[in-house]
Amino acid sequence: MGRVTDRREIVRIDLSAGTAVRRMDSVSGEEPLEIRVGTRADGKTPRRPLAVTMRTPGDDIDLAIGFLLTEGVIRGAADIVTAQLCAGTDTPNTYNVVDIVLADGVPAPDTDPARAFYTTSSCGVCGKASIDAIRTQSPWHLGDDPMTVSAELLASLPDRLRAAQQAFARTGGLHAAGLFTAAGEAVLVREDVGRHNAVDKVVGRAVAEHRLPLRDHVLLVSGRASFELTQKAWMAGIPLLAAVSAPSSLAVDLAQEAGMTLVGFLRGATMNVYSGAHRVTQPQPEDRAASPAVR
């Protein structure tokens, strides 16, 4: 696993057995990644830092490309000339910097410190300096995407995602994002301490493989469905976002605006469809009288 996981000494306490034992345990790796962006006109001038994100090392170039796509800096792989992982000046052996050169004609992003990104493992937009900086306009309208999936297929996806989470099995501390076809085939699965990073790793790989827009695909995330994750799915042209936990109100509003299907609480045989229910084929609901209010 390399830096994806690490080993630390812990004290394992078991009250039922009355024991306290020292042992080694696996924990999730977390390190900063700096994303630098420039143009060919910069020549040998160092690229300008755009963002620092706390992430689990691995698939870093995909993460950076996905970040640029979902933040509206690029529209596809053709907007990038080179993307390379390089060592930082302070930590030369960790390779915690991705350097990206944009193609001619692609506007360089605003690197004003007032708008600079610093993203934590738990939040990707909380480092933005203004409300205006949060919203990114997607080029895709998903309302006309004809994809449908059965509720039974959706119910099977969390187990398929968990089975692909190798690092989670060792640490219990990583989120996952999985891209599936409408037939349930796993296309990409990525793990990270940050939910938004896991999604960016999936999207970035799809960008590099010229797959956008990701019509006829389902994006499944292991946590909740936030506004930010819904926006990232929209930017990638994904018509159905599913989460094992709850969505937020803004996530629901954005999914409705995008014409996206949003599924939450996807657990076992149950799920809630908050938007775009026409894409989820399901048994006909029973016609039941309203239950009396519980007092």
C-alpha atoms as a PDB file:
ATOM      1  CA  MET A   1       0.000   0.000   0.000  1.00  0.00           C
ATOM      2  CA  GLY A   2       2.982   2.344   0.487  1.00  0.00           C
ATOM      3  CA  ARG A   3       1.937   5.747   1.829  1.00  0.00           C
ATOM      4  CA  VAL A   4      -1.759   4.938   1.418  1.00  0.00           C
ATOM      5  CA  THR A   5      -1.563   3.356   4.872  1.00  0.00           C
ATOM      6  CA  ASP A   6       0.909   3.593   7.737  1.00  0.00           C
ATOM      7  CA  ARG A   7       1.598   1.708  10.949  1.00  0.00           C
ATOM      8  CA  ARG A   8       1.367   3.166  14.453  1.00  0.00           C
ATOM      9  CA  GLU A   9       1.651   1.679  17.912  1.00  0.00           C
ATOM     10  CA  ILE A  10      -1.609   1.725  19.873  1.00  0.00           C
ATOM     11  CA  VAL A  11      -3.011   0.449  23.155  1.00  0.00           C
ATOM     12  CA  ARG A  12      -5.955  -1.849  22.479  1.00  0.00           C
ATOM     13  CA  ILE A  13      -8.373  -1.773  25.432  1.00  0.00           C
ATOM     14  CA  ASP A  14     -11.033  -4.458  25.783  1.00  0.00           C
ATOM     15  CA  LEU A  15     -13.289  -3.784  28.750  1.00  0.00           C
ATOM     16  CA  SER A  16     -15.160  -7.065  28.386  1.00  0.00           C
ATOM     17  CA  ALA A  17     -11.919  -9.025  28.686  1.00  0.00           C
ATOM     18  CA  GLY A  18     -10.292  -6.599  31.132  1.00  0.00           C
ATOM     19  CA  THR A  19      -7.187  -6.247  28.944  1.00  0.00           C
ATOM     20  CA  ALA A  20      -4.971  -3.460  27.617  1.00  0.00           C
ATOM     21  CA  VAL A  21      -2.499  -4.628  25.000  1.00  0.00           C
ATOM     22  CA  ARG A  22       0.128  -2.705  23.045  1.00  0.00           C
ATOM     23  CA  ARG A  23       0.203  -3.559  19.357  1.00  0.00           C
ATOM     24  CA  MET A  24       0.726  -2.100  15.891  1.00  0.00           C
ATOM     25  CA  ASP A  25      -2.270  -0.883  13.903  1.00  0.00           C
ATOM     26  CA  SER A  26      -2.830   0.372  10.349  1.00  0.00           C
ATOM     27  CA  VAL A  27      -3.974   3.963   9.855  1.00  0.00           C
ATOM     28  CA  SER A  28      -4.908   5.880   6.719  1.00  0.00           C
ATOM     29  CA  GLY A  29      -2.200   7.985   5.131  1.00  0.00           C
ATOM     30  CA  GLU A  30      -2.802  11.730   4.975  1.00  0.00           C
ATOM     31  CA  GLU A  31      -0.419  14.270   3.445  1.00  0.00           C
ATOM     32  CA  PRO A  32      -0.765  17.680   1.782  1.00  0.00           C
ATOM     33  CA  LEU A  33      -0.788  17.919  -2.008  1.00  0.00           C
ATOM     34  CA  GLU A  34      -0.013  21.222  -3.694  1.00  0.00           C
ATOM     35  CA  ILE A  35      -1.497  21.773  -7.153  1.00  0.00           C
ATOM     36  CA  ARG A  36       0.457  24.227  -9.312  1.00  0.00           C
ATOM     37  CA  VAL A  37      -0.843  25.528 -12.612  1.00  0.00           C
ATOM     38  CA  GLY A  38       0.761  27.543 -15.388  1.00  0.00           C
ATOM     39  CA  THR A  39       0.915  28.023 -19.142  1.00  0.00           C
ATOM     40  CA  ARG A  40       3.588  27.285 -21.728  1.00  0.00           C
ATOM     41  CA  ALA A  41       4.213  31.024 -21.937  1.00  0.00           C
ATOM     42  CA  ASP A  42       5.560  30.880 -18.380  1.00  0.00           C
ATOM     43  CA  GLY A  43       8.596  29.022 -19.686  1.00  0.00           C
ATOM     44  CA  LYS A  44      10.858  28.059 -16.818  1.00  0.00           C
ATOM     45  CA  THR A  45       9.016  30.306 -14.398  1.00  0.00           C
ATOM     46  CA  PRO A  46       7.707  28.204 -11.507  1.00  0.00           C
ATOM     47  CA  ARG A  47       4.031  27.344 -11.819  1.00  0.00           C
ATOM     48  CA  ARG A  48       1.762  29.285  -9.514  1.00  0.00           C
ATOM     49  CA  PRO A  49       0.260  27.431  -6.542  1.00  0.00           C
ATOM     50  CA  LEU A  50      -3.504  27.124  -6.948  1.00  0.00           C
ATOM     51  CA  ALA A  51      -4.560  24.764  -4.183  1.00  0.00           C
ATOM     52  CA  VAL A  52      -3.406  22.646  -1.294  1.00  0.00           C
ATOM     53  CA  THR A  53      -5.525  19.668  -0.362  1.00  0.00           C
ATOM     54  CA  MET A  54      -5.112  17.112   2.406  1.00  0.00           C
ATOM     55  CA  ARG A  55      -5.311  13.725   0.742  1.00  0.00           C
ATOM     56  CA  THR A  56      -4.284  10.085   0.852  1.00  0.00           C
ATOM     57  CA  PRO A  57      -1.258   9.704  -1.462  1.00  0.00           C
ATOM     58  CA  GLY A  58      -1.957   7.857  -4.690  1.00  0.00           C
ATOM     59  CA  ASP A  59      -3.570   8.787  -8.015  1.00  0.00           C
ATOM     60  CA  ASP A  60      -2.359  12.339  -7.385  1.00  0.00           C
ATOM     61  CA  ILE A  61      -2.295  13.439 -11.017  1.00  0.00           C
ATOM     62  CA  ASP A  62      -5.851  12.161 -11.461  1.00  0.00           C
ATOM     63  CA  LEU A  63      -6.841  14.051  -8.329  1.00  0.00           C
ATOM     64  CA  ALA A  64      -5.342  17.287  -9.661  1.00  0.00           C
ATOM     65  CA  ILE A  65      -6.961  16.904 -13.083  1.00  0.00           C
ATOM     66  CA  GLY A  66     -10.311  16.083 -11.509  1.00  0.00           C
ATOM     67  CA  PHE A  67      -9.996  19.100  -9.241  1.00  0.00           C
ATOM     68  CA  LEU A  68      -9.315  21.415 -12.193  1.00  0.00           C
ATOM     69  CA  LEU A  69     -12.254  19.960 -14.118  1.00  0.00           C
ATOM     70  CA  THR A  70     -14.746  20.179 -11.278  1.00  0.00           C
ATOM     71  CA  GLU A  71     -13.615  23.708 -10.423  1.00  0.00           C
ATOM     72  CA  GLY A  72     -14.151  24.833 -14.018  1.00  0.00           C
ATOM     73  CA  VAL A  73     -10.495  25.561 -14.801  1.00  0.00           C
ATOM     74  CA  ILE A  74     -10.450  23.021 -17.650  1.00  0.00           C
ATOM     75  CA  ARG A  75     -13.166  21.384 -19.776  1.00  0.00           C
ATOM     76  CA  GLY A  76     -11.311  18.243 -20.808  1.00  0.00           C
ATOM     77  CA  ALA A  77      -7.992  16.506 -21.400  1.00  0.00           C
ATOM     78  CA  ALA A  78      -7.235  18.705 -24.423  1.00  0.00           C
ATOM     79  CA  ASP A  79      -6.867  21.679 -22.077  1.00  0.00           C
ATOM     80  CA  ILE A  80      -3.744  20.156 -20.484  1.00  0.00           C
ATOM     81  CA  VAL A  81      -0.311  19.921 -22.102  1.00  0.00           C
ATOM     82  CA  THR A  82       1.547  18.204 -19.265  1.00  0.00           C
ATOM     83  CA  ALA A  83       0.759  17.020 -15.749  1.00  0.00           C
ATOM     84  CA  GLN A  84       3.553  15.662 -13.614  1.00  0.00           C
ATOM     85  CA  LEU A  85       4.216  14.726 -10.008  1.00  0.00           C
ATOM     86  CA  CYS A  86       7.288  16.399  -8.580  1.00  0.00           C
ATOM     87  CA  ALA A  87       9.071  16.882  -5.286  1.00  0.00           C
ATOM     88  CA  GLY A  88       8.533  19.930  -3.142  1.00  0.00           C
ATOM     89  CA  THR A  89      11.442  22.071  -2.041  1.00  0.00           C
ATOM     90  CA  ASP A  90      10.902  21.370   1.657  1.00  0.00           C
ATOM     91  CA  THR A  91      10.189  17.638   1.375  1.00  0.00           C
ATOM     92  CA  PRO A  92      12.133  16.394  -1.674  1.00  0.00           C
ATOM     93  CA  ASN A  93      11.332  12.704  -1.175  1.00  0.00           C
ATOM     94  CA  THR A  94       7.567  12.873  -0.736  1.00  0.00           C
ATOM     95  CA  TYR A  95       6.474  14.129  -4.161  1.00  0.00           C
ATOM     96  CA  ASN A  96       3.591  16.154  -2.798  1.00  0.00           C
ATOM     97  CA  VAL A  97       3.331  18.583  -5.734  1.00  0.00           C
ATOM     98  CA  VAL A  98       1.498  18.202  -9.049  1.00  0.00           C
ATOM     99  CA  ASP A  99       2.635  20.598 -11.754  1.00  0.00           C
ATOM    100  CA  ILE A 100       0.187  21.211 -14.607  1.00  0.00           C
ATOM    101  CA  VAL A 101       0.745  23.173 -17.824  1.00  0.00           C
ATOM    102  CA  LEU A 102      -2.395  24.377 -19.582  1.00  0.00           C
ATOM    103  CA  ALA A 103      -2.829  24.344 -23.348  1.00  0.00           C
ATOM    104  CA  ASP A 104      -2.624  27.510 -25.409  1.00  0.00           C
ATOM    105  CA  GLY A 105      -5.810  29.532 -25.187  1.00  0.00           C
ATOM    106  CA  VAL A 106      -6.896  28.090 -21.828  1.00  0.00           C
ATOM    107  CA  PRO A 107      -7.152  30.957 -19.337  1.00  0.00           C
ATOM    108  CA  ALA A 108      -4.909  30.570 -16.331  1.00  0.00           C
ATOM    109  CA  PRO A 109      -6.904  30.317 -13.102  1.00  0.00           C
ATOM    110  CA  ASP A 110      -7.095  33.176 -10.656  1.00  0.00           C
ATOM    111  CA  THR A 111      -4.314  32.628  -8.114  1.00  0.00           C
ATOM    112  CA  ASP A 112      -5.124  35.678  -6.016  1.00  0.00           C
ATOM    113  CA  PRO A 113      -4.443  34.663  -2.388  1.00  0.00           C
ATOM    114  CA  ALA A 114      -7.913  35.928  -1.460  1.00  0.00           C
ATOM    115  CA  ARG A 115      -9.383  33.176  -3.636  1.00  0.00           C
ATOM    116  CA  ALA A 116      -6.756  30.513  -2.941  1.00  0.00           C
ATOM    117  CA  PHE A 117      -7.920  27.021  -2.042  1.00  0.00           C
ATOM    118  CA  TYR A 118      -6.940  25.167   1.082  1.00  0.00           C
ATOM    119  CA  THR A 119      -9.023  22.046   1.415  1.00  0.00           C
ATOM    120  CA  THR A 120      -9.151  19.707   4.357  1.00  0.00           C
ATOM    121  CA  SER A 121      -9.905  15.995   4.247  1.00  0.00           C
ATOM    122  CA  SER A 122     -13.489  16.627   5.287  1.00  0.00           C
ATOM    123  CA  CYS A 123     -14.316  19.737   3.290  1.00  0.00           C
ATOM    124  CA  GLY A 124     -13.345  20.875  -0.163  1.00  0.00           C
ATOM    125  CA  VAL A 125     -15.176  24.192  -0.432  1.00  0.00           C
ATOM    126  CA  CYS A 126     -14.599  25.467   3.102  1.00  0.00           C
ATOM    127  CA  GLY A 127     -11.275  26.987   2.042  1.00  0.00           C
ATOM    128  CA  LYS A 128     -12.848  29.294  -0.536  1.00  0.00           C
ATOM    129  CA  ALA A 129     -12.822  32.952   0.280  1.00  0.00           C
ATOM    130  CA  SER A 130     -16.212  34.004  -1.109  1.00  0.00           C
ATOM    131  CA  ILE A 131     -19.685  32.647  -1.773  1.00  0.00           C
ATOM    132  CA  ASP A 132     -19.273  33.395  -5.476  1.00  0.00           C
ATOM    133  CA  ALA A 133     -16.231  31.102  -5.610  1.00  0.00           C
ATOM    134  CA  ILE A 134     -18.252  28.082  -4.488  1.00  0.00           C
ATOM    135  CA  ARG A 135     -20.479  27.773  -7.547  1.00  0.00           C
ATOM    136  CA  THR A 136     -19.089  26.381 -10.818  1.00  0.00           C
ATOM    137  CA  GLN A 137     -21.150  26.275 -14.003  1.00  0.00           C
ATOM    138  CA  SER A 138     -21.398  22.884 -15.680  1.00  0.00           C
ATOM    139  CA  PRO A 139     -21.500  22.592 -19.482  1.00  0.00           C
ATOM    140  CA  TRP A 140     -23.781  19.543 -19.280  1.00  0.00           C
ATOM    141  CA  HIS A 141     -27.550  19.388 -18.973  1.00  0.00           C
ATOM    142  CA  LEU A 142     -28.486  16.010 -17.583  1.00  0.00           C
ATOM    143  CA  GLY A 143     -32.259  16.210 -17.845  1.00  0.00           C
ATOM    144  CA  ASP A 144     -32.305  14.583 -21.281  1.00  0.00           C
ATOM    145  CA  ASP A 145     -30.042  11.667 -20.311  1.00  0.00           C
ATOM    146  CA  PRO A 146     -32.232   8.582 -20.891  1.00  0.00           C
ATOM    147  CA  MET A 147     -30.339   6.263 -18.546  1.00  0.00           C
ATOM    148  CA  THR A 148     -32.397   4.093 -16.198  1.00  0.00           C
ATOM    149  CA  VAL A 149     -31.279   1.630 -13.535  1.00  0.00           C
ATOM    150  CA  SER A 150     -33.250  -0.764 -11.410  1.00  0.00           C
ATOM    151  CA  ALA A 151     -33.591  -0.235  -7.706  1.00  0.00           C
ATOM    152  CA  GLU A 152     -32.290  -3.786  -7.257  1.00  0.00           C
ATOM    153  CA  LEU A 153     -29.084  -2.942  -9.110  1.00  0.00           C
ATOM    154  CA  LEU A 154     -28.553   0.217  -7.067  1.00  0.00           C
ATOM    155  CA  ALA A 155     -29.028  -1.775  -3.865  1.00  0.00           C
ATOM    156  CA  SER A 156     -26.179  -4.079  -4.905  1.00  0.00           C
ATOM    157  CA  LEU A 157     -23.622  -1.322  -5.509  1.00  0.00           C
ATOM    158  CA  PRO A 158     -22.538  -0.517  -1.907  1.00  0.00           C
ATOM    159  CA  ASP A 159     -21.362  -4.093  -1.401  1.00  0.00           C
ATOM    160  CA  ARG A 160     -19.478  -3.961  -4.694  1.00  0.00           C
ATOM    161  CA  LEU A 161     -17.864  -0.684  -3.666  1.00  0.00           C
ATOM    162  CA  ARG A 162     -16.866  -2.007  -0.245  1.00  0.00           C
ATOM    163  CA  ALA A 163     -15.362  -5.145  -1.804  1.00  0.00           C
ATOM    164  CA  ALA A 164     -13.042  -2.918  -3.877  1.00  0.00           C
ATOM    165  CA  GLN A 165     -11.863  -0.846  -0.874  1.00  0.00           C
ATOM    166  CA  GLN A 166      -8.567  -2.524  -0.089  1.00  0.00           C
ATOM    167  CA  ALA A 167      -7.194   0.256   2.111  1.00  0.00           C
ATOM    168  CA  PHE A 168     -10.473   0.635   4.013  1.00  0.00           C
ATOM    169  CA  ALA A 169     -10.321  -3.048   4.900  1.00  0.00           C
ATOM    170  CA  ARG A 170      -7.009  -2.391   6.656  1.00  0.00           C
ATOM    171  CA  THR A 171      -7.733   0.970   8.278  1.00  0.00           C
ATOM    172  CA  GLY A 172     -11.486   1.600   8.403  1.00  0.00           C
ATOM    173  CA  GLY A 173     -10.655   5.250   7.750  1.00  0.00           C
ATOM    174  CA  LEU A 174     -11.051   5.952   4.043  1.00  0.00           C
ATOM    175  CA  HIS A 175     -13.933   7.169   1.928  1.00  0.00           C
ATOM    176  CA  ALA A 176     -14.548   5.744  -1.514  1.00  0.00           C
ATOM    177  CA  ALA A 177     -16.057   6.845  -4.795  1.00  0.00           C
ATOM    178  CA  GLY A 178     -17.051   4.324  -7.416  1.00  0.00           C
ATOM    179  CA  LEU A 179     -18.038   4.852 -11.030  1.00  0.00           C
ATOM    180  CA  PHE A 180     -20.386   2.175 -12.372  1.00  0.00           C
ATOM    181  CA  THR A 181     -22.102   1.623 -15.693  1.00  0.00           C
ATOM    182  CA  ALA A 182     -25.881   1.448 -15.876  1.00  0.00           C
ATOM    183  CA  ALA A 183     -25.459  -2.334 -16.007  1.00  0.00           C
ATOM    184  CA  GLY A 184     -23.600  -2.319 -12.687  1.00  0.00           C
ATOM    185  CA  GLU A 185     -20.069  -2.826 -14.018  1.00  0.00           C
ATOM    186  CA  ALA A 186     -17.401  -1.174 -11.848  1.00  0.00           C
ATOM    187  CA  VAL A 187     -15.374   1.195 -14.037  1.00  0.00           C
ATOM    188  CA  LEU A 188     -13.288   3.043 -11.438  1.00  0.00           C
ATOM    189  CA  VAL A 189     -13.015   2.903  -7.644  1.00  0.00           C
ATOM    190  CA  ARG A 190     -10.809   5.284  -5.689  1.00  0.00           C
ATOM    191  CA  GLU A 191     -10.194   5.778  -1.959  1.00  0.00           C
ATOM    192  CA  ASP A 192      -9.118   8.823   0.033  1.00  0.00           C
ATOM    193  CA  VAL A 193      -9.451  10.364   3.480  1.00  0.00           C
ATOM    194  CA  GLY A 194     -11.457  13.103   1.760  1.00  0.00           C
ATOM    195  CA  ARG A 195     -14.755  12.334   0.050  1.00  0.00           C
ATOM    196  CA  HIS A 196     -14.185  15.141  -2.439  1.00  0.00           C
ATOM    197  CA  ASN A 197     -10.681  13.859  -3.224  1.00  0.00           C
ATOM    198  CA  ALA A 198     -11.978  10.354  -3.936  1.00  0.00           C
ATOM    199  CA  VAL A 199     -14.460  11.834  -6.412  1.00  0.00           C
ATOM    200  CA  ASP A 200     -11.804  14.036  -8.017  1.00  0.00           C
ATOM    201  CA  LYS A 201      -9.571  10.967  -8.482  1.00  0.00           C
ATOM    202  CA  VAL A 202     -12.396   9.186 -10.306  1.00  0.00           C
ATOM    203  CA  VAL A 203     -13.268  12.221 -12.418  1.00  0.00           C
ATOM    204  CA  GLY A 204      -9.625  12.980 -13.202  1.00  0.00           C
ATOM    205  CA  ARG A 205      -9.024   9.470 -14.523  1.00  0.00           C
ATOM    206  CA  ALA A 206     -12.179   9.750 -16.638  1.00  0.00           C
ATOM    207  CA  VAL A 207     -10.921  13.071 -18.031  1.00  0.00           C
ATOM    208  CA  ALA A 208      -7.533  11.571 -18.895  1.00  0.00           C
ATOM    209  CA  GLU A 209      -9.292   8.727 -20.722  1.00  0.00           C
ATOM    210  CA  HIS A 210     -11.505  11.166 -22.679  1.00  0.00           C
ATOM    211  CA  ARG A 211     -14.704   9.689 -21.206  1.00  0.00           C
ATOM    212  CA  LEU A 212     -16.573  12.943 -20.477  1.00  0.00           C
ATOM    213  CA  PRO A 213     -19.470  13.456 -20.307  1.00  0.00           C
ATOM    214  CA  LEU A 214     -20.066  10.338 -18.208  1.00  0.00           C
ATOM    215  CA  ARG A 215     -23.555   9.657 -19.465  1.00  0.00           C
ATOM    216  CA  ASP A 216     -25.076   6.262 -18.619  1.00  0.00           C
ATOM    217  CA  HIS A 217     -22.977   6.084 -15.444  1.00  0.00           C
ATOM    218  CA  VAL A 218     -23.651   6.025 -11.716  1.00  0.00           C
ATOM    219  CA  LEU A 219     -21.369   7.654  -9.156  1.00  0.00           C
ATOM    220  CA  LEU A 220     -21.576   6.059  -5.709  1.00  0.00           C
ATOM    221  CA  VAL A 221     -19.977   7.733  -2.681  1.00  0.00           C
ATOM    222  CA  SER A 222     -19.418   6.107   0.676  1.00  0.00           C
ATOM    223  CA  GLY A 223     -20.504   9.064   2.805  1.00  0.00           C
ATOM    224  CA  ARG A 224     -23.138  11.739   2.506  1.00  0.00           C
ATOM    225  CA  ALA A 225     -24.119  13.607  -0.643  1.00  0.00           C
ATOM    226  CA  SER A 226     -23.075  17.221  -0.195  1.00  0.00           C
ATOM    227  CA  PHE A 227     -23.557  20.208  -2.476  1.00  0.00           C
ATOM    228  CA  GLU A 228     -19.913  19.914  -3.483  1.00  0.00           C
ATOM    229  CA  LEU A 229     -20.081  16.261  -4.512  1.00  0.00           C
ATOM    230  CA  THR A 230     -23.278  16.893  -6.458  1.00  0.00           C
ATOM    231  CA  GLN A 231     -21.571  19.750  -8.287  1.00  0.00           C
ATOM    232  CA  LYS A 232     -18.562  17.565  -9.102  1.00  0.00           C
ATOM    233  CA  ALA A 233     -20.857  14.870 -10.530  1.00  0.00           C
ATOM    234  CA  TRP A 234     -22.643  17.491 -12.631  1.00  0.00           C
ATOM    235  CA  MET A 235     -19.353  18.887 -13.942  1.00  0.00           C
ATOM    236  CA  ALA A 236     -18.436  15.380 -15.089  1.00  0.00           C
ATOM    237  CA  GLY A 237     -21.810  14.824 -16.780  1.00  0.00           C
ATOM    238  CA  ILE A 238     -22.907  12.030 -14.437  1.00  0.00           C
ATOM    239  CA  PRO A 239     -26.716  11.607 -14.423  1.00  0.00           C
ATOM    240  CA  LEU A 240     -27.053   9.624 -11.189  1.00  0.00           C
ATOM    241  CA  LEU A 241     -25.337  10.250  -7.859  1.00  0.00           C
ATOM    242  CA  ALA A 242     -25.953   7.785  -5.032  1.00  0.00           C
ATOM    243  CA  ALA A 243     -24.755   7.965  -1.442  1.00  0.00           C
ATOM    244  CA  VAL A 244     -24.952   5.555   1.442  1.00  0.00           C
ATOM    245  CA  SER A 245     -25.785   8.428   3.778  1.00  0.00           C
ATOM    246  CA  ALA A 246     -27.914  11.567   3.706  1.00  0.00           C
ATOM    247  CA  PRO A 247     -27.949  14.399   1.169  1.00  0.00           C
ATOM    248  CA  SER A 248     -28.038  18.051   2.141  1.00  0.00           C
ATOM    249  CA  SER A 249     -30.780  20.465   1.117  1.00  0.00           C
ATOM    250  CA  LEU A 250     -28.471  22.263  -1.321  1.00  0.00           C
ATOM    251  CA  ALA A 251     -27.432  18.940  -2.851  1.00  0.00           C
ATOM    252  CA  VAL A 252     -31.085  18.150  -3.555  1.00  0.00           C
ATOM    253  CA  ASP A 253     -31.698  21.620  -4.999  1.00  0.00           C
ATOM    254  CA  LEU A 254     -28.643  21.403  -7.254  1.00  0.00           C
ATOM    255  CA  ALA A 255     -29.540  17.890  -8.455  1.00  0.00           C
ATOM    256  CA  GLN A 256     -33.016  19.105  -9.411  1.00  0.00           C
ATOM    257  CA  GLU A 257     -31.536  22.073 -11.280  1.00  0.00           C
ATOM    258  CA  ALA A 258     -29.088  19.815 -13.139  1.00  0.00           C
ATOM    259  CA  GLY A 259     -31.676  17.198 -14.060  1.00  0.00           C
ATOM    260  CA  MET A 260     -29.668  14.683 -12.025  1.00  0.00           C
ATOM    261  CA  THR A 261     -30.989  11.700 -10.106  1.00  0.00           C
ATOM    262  CA  LEU A 262     -29.943  11.858  -6.456  1.00  0.00           C
ATOM    263  CA  VAL A 263     -30.250   8.794  -4.224  1.00  0.00           C
ATOM    264  CA  GLY A 264     -29.485   8.832  -0.505  1.00  0.00           C
ATOM    265  CA  PHE A 265     -29.506   6.344   2.370  1.00  0.00           C
ATOM    266  CA  LEU A 266     -28.634   3.549  -0.065  1.00  0.00           C
ATOM    267  CA  ARG A 267     -28.434   0.768   2.498  1.00  0.00           C
ATOM    268  CA  GLY A 268     -29.521  -2.824   2.131  1.00  0.00           C
ATOM    269  CA  ALA A 269     -32.868  -3.035   0.385  1.00  0.00           C
ATOM    270  CA  THR A 270     -33.900   0.574   1.028  1.00  0.00           C
ATOM    271  CA  MET A 271     -33.062   3.943  -0.461  1.00  0.00           C
ATOM    272  CA  ASN A 272     -34.506   7.436  -0.782  1.00  0.00           C
ATOM    273  CA  VAL A 273     -34.737   9.059  -4.219  1.00  0.00           C
ATOM    274  CA  TYR A 274     -34.614  12.840  -3.780  1.00  0.00           C
ATOM    275  CA  SER A 275     -34.488  13.914  -7.422  1.00  0.00           C
ATOM    276  CA  GLY A 276     -34.951  12.340 -10.841  1.00  0.00           C
ATOM    277  CA  ALA A 277     -36.954   9.321  -9.673  1.00  0.00           C
ATOM    278  CA  HIS A 278     -37.850   8.508 -13.306  1.00  0.00           C
ATOM    279  CA  ARG A 279     -34.387   6.961 -13.759  1.00  0.00           C
ATOM    280  CA  VAL A 280     -34.875   4.398 -10.988  1.00  0.00           C
ATOM    281  CA  THR A 281     -37.171   1.566 -12.055  1.00  0.00           C
ATOM    282  CA  GLN A 282     -38.947   0.230  -9.025  1.00  0.00           C
ATOM    283  CA  PRO A 283     -41.869  -1.872  -7.826  1.00  0.00           C
ATOM    284  CA  GLN A 284     -45.178  -0.049  -7.895  1.00  0.00           C
ATOM    285  CA  PRO A 285     -45.726   1.524  -4.473  1.00  0.00           C
ATOM    286  CA  GLU A 286     -48.617   0.266  -2.415  1.00  0.00           C
ATOM    287  CA  ASP A 287     -51.609   2.568  -2.130  1.00  0.00           C
ATOM    288  CA  ARG A 288     -51.748   3.015   1.602  1.00  0.00           C
ATOM    289  CA  ALA A 289     -53.798   5.431   3.613  1.00  0.00           C
ATOM    290  CA  ALA A 290     -51.767   8.039   5.431  1.00  0.00           C
ATOM    291  CA  SER A 291     -50.616   6.801   8.798  1.00  0.00           C
ATOM    292  CA  PRO A 292     -51.888   8.718  11.814  1.00  0.00           C
ATOM    293  CA  ALA A 293     -49.429  11.135  13.333  1.00  0.00           C
ATOM    294  CA  VAL A 294     -47.458   9.787  16.250  1.00  0.00           C
ATOM    295  CA  ARG A 295     -47.920  11.814  19.363  1.00  0.00           C
END
